[in-house]
Amino acid sequence: RLSGVRPPFQRLVYPVPEVVGGLGVHATIDWAGTSTKFGPDVEWMDEQLTNPDDIHYNLQGASRAAGFYAEIRKYWPGLPDDSLQPDYAGVRPKMAQPNVSL
């Protein structure tokens, strides 16, 4: 979630979808126009993972944040450092890993 900064856009922003699956890190604005959120990013999980209790929703450190900033800066180069705060997280299941057919 964006914190302390107004974005230079007033509409949803969807980058060109990624080849390996996913919509890319896009921008969504709430109905009131007062809050902007970015996401999701894609993290492929181990295909052997079968127990939901083994899924970790915690943040993965500075390298993960740097990649998130880099994706947003593809369409907002002026995004200030330290202007994002973690928000909600979830799992969007897919039946197969990238480049694997069912």
Protein backbone atom coordinates (compact mmCIF):
# COMPACT_ATOMS: atom_id res chain seq x y z
CA ARG A 1 0.00 0.00 0.00
CA LEU A 2 1.25 3.46 -0.86
CA SER A 3 1.97 5.65 2.16
CA GLY A 4 2.54 9.40 2.35
CA VAL A 5 2.69 9.98 -1.42
CA ARG A 6 0.09 10.64 -4.10
CA PRO A 7 0.55 8.62 -7.29
CA PRO A 8 0.78 10.45 -10.64
CA PHE A 9 -2.24 8.51 -11.97
CA GLN A 10 -5.94 8.41 -11.12
CA ARG A 11 -6.96 5.18 -12.82
CA LEU A 12 -6.05 1.52 -12.55
CA VAL A 13 -2.69 0.61 -14.08
CA TYR A 14 -2.15 -2.86 -15.52
CA PRO A 15 1.24 -3.54 -17.12
CA VAL A 16 1.55 -5.97 -20.01
CA PRO A 17 1.07 -9.50 -18.56
CA GLU A 18 4.18 -11.54 -17.87
CA VAL A 19 5.00 -14.42 -20.20
CA VAL A 20 5.47 -16.90 -17.33
CA GLY A 21 2.05 -16.20 -15.87
CA GLY A 22 0.60 -13.45 -13.80
CA LEU A 23 -0.68 -9.97 -14.41
CA GLY A 24 2.39 -8.19 -13.15
CA VAL A 25 2.43 -5.72 -10.28
CA HIS A 26 -0.50 -3.44 -11.02
CA ALA A 27 -1.97 -0.38 -9.27
CA THR A 28 -5.50 -0.27 -7.88
CA ILE A 29 -7.18 2.75 -6.33
CA ASP A 30 -10.04 2.54 -3.84
CA TRP A 31 -13.48 4.00 -4.64
CA ALA A 32 -12.80 7.19 -2.67
CA GLY A 33 -9.52 7.71 -4.53
CA THR A 34 -7.61 8.01 -1.26
CA SER A 35 -5.69 4.73 -1.15
CA THR A 36 -3.50 3.07 -3.78
CA LYS A 37 -2.40 -0.55 -3.57
CA PHE A 38 0.08 -2.42 -5.74
CA GLY A 39 0.25 -6.10 -6.43
CA PRO A 40 0.33 -8.95 -6.75
CA ASP A 41 3.76 -10.24 -7.42
CA VAL A 42 4.18 -13.89 -8.32
CA GLU A 43 5.91 -16.46 -6.19
CA TRP A 44 5.79 -20.02 -7.47
CA MET A 45 5.53 -22.55 -4.69
CA ASP A 46 7.19 -25.92 -4.43
CA GLU A 47 5.04 -28.36 -6.39
CA GLN A 48 5.44 -30.87 -3.56
CA LEU A 49 3.79 -28.51 -1.07
CA THR A 50 0.51 -30.12 -0.07
CA ASN A 51 -0.07 -28.98 3.51
CA PRO A 52 -1.60 -25.46 3.76
CA ASP A 53 0.07 -25.04 7.16
CA ASP A 54 3.44 -25.01 5.36
CA ILE A 55 2.61 -21.82 3.43
CA HIS A 56 4.44 -18.80 4.85
CA TYR A 57 2.81 -15.40 4.43
CA ASN A 58 5.64 -13.41 5.99
CA LEU A 59 7.69 -10.87 4.08
CA GLN A 60 10.83 -12.21 2.50
CA GLY A 61 13.19 -9.34 3.24
CA ALA A 62 14.76 -6.43 1.42
CA SER A 63 15.50 -8.32 -1.81
CA ARG A 64 11.80 -9.07 -2.23
CA ALA A 65 10.89 -5.42 -1.60
CA ALA A 66 13.53 -4.23 -4.09
CA GLY A 67 11.98 -6.39 -6.81
CA PHE A 68 8.52 -5.06 -6.00
CA TYR A 69 9.74 -1.45 -6.25
CA ALA A 70 11.49 -2.27 -9.55
CA GLU A 71 8.26 -3.62 -11.07
CA ILE A 72 6.27 -0.51 -10.07
CA ARG A 73 9.02 1.79 -11.35
CA LYS A 74 8.54 0.36 -14.84
CA TYR A 75 5.43 2.56 -15.07
CA TRP A 76 6.15 5.04 -12.21
CA PRO A 77 9.88 5.83 -12.31
CA GLY A 78 9.50 8.51 -9.63
CA LEU A 79 8.19 6.17 -6.92
CA PRO A 80 10.01 7.32 -3.77
CA ASP A 81 12.02 4.84 -1.72
CA ASP A 82 10.28 3.68 1.48
CA SER A 83 6.84 4.82 0.28
CA LEU A 84 5.24 1.36 0.38
CA GLN A 85 3.84 -0.47 3.39
CA PRO A 86 2.93 -4.17 3.51
CA ASP A 87 -0.79 -4.84 3.27
CA TYR A 88 -2.80 -8.03 2.88
CA ALA A 89 -1.49 -11.21 1.27
CA GLY A 90 -3.13 -14.28 -0.16
CA VAL A 91 -2.74 -17.28 -2.39
CA ARG A 92 -4.02 -17.46 -5.95
CA PRO A 93 -3.84 -21.13 -6.84
CA LYS A 94 -2.91 -22.34 -10.30
CA MET A 95 -3.05 -25.92 -11.47
CA ALA A 96 0.41 -26.02 -13.04
CA GLN A 97 3.81 -24.37 -12.88
CA PRO A 98 4.85 -22.12 -15.81
CA ASN A 99 5.49 -23.95 -19.08
CA VAL A 100 3.86 -27.13 -17.77
CA SER A 101 0.65 -28.40 -19.33
CA LEU A 102 -1.91 -30.52 -17.55
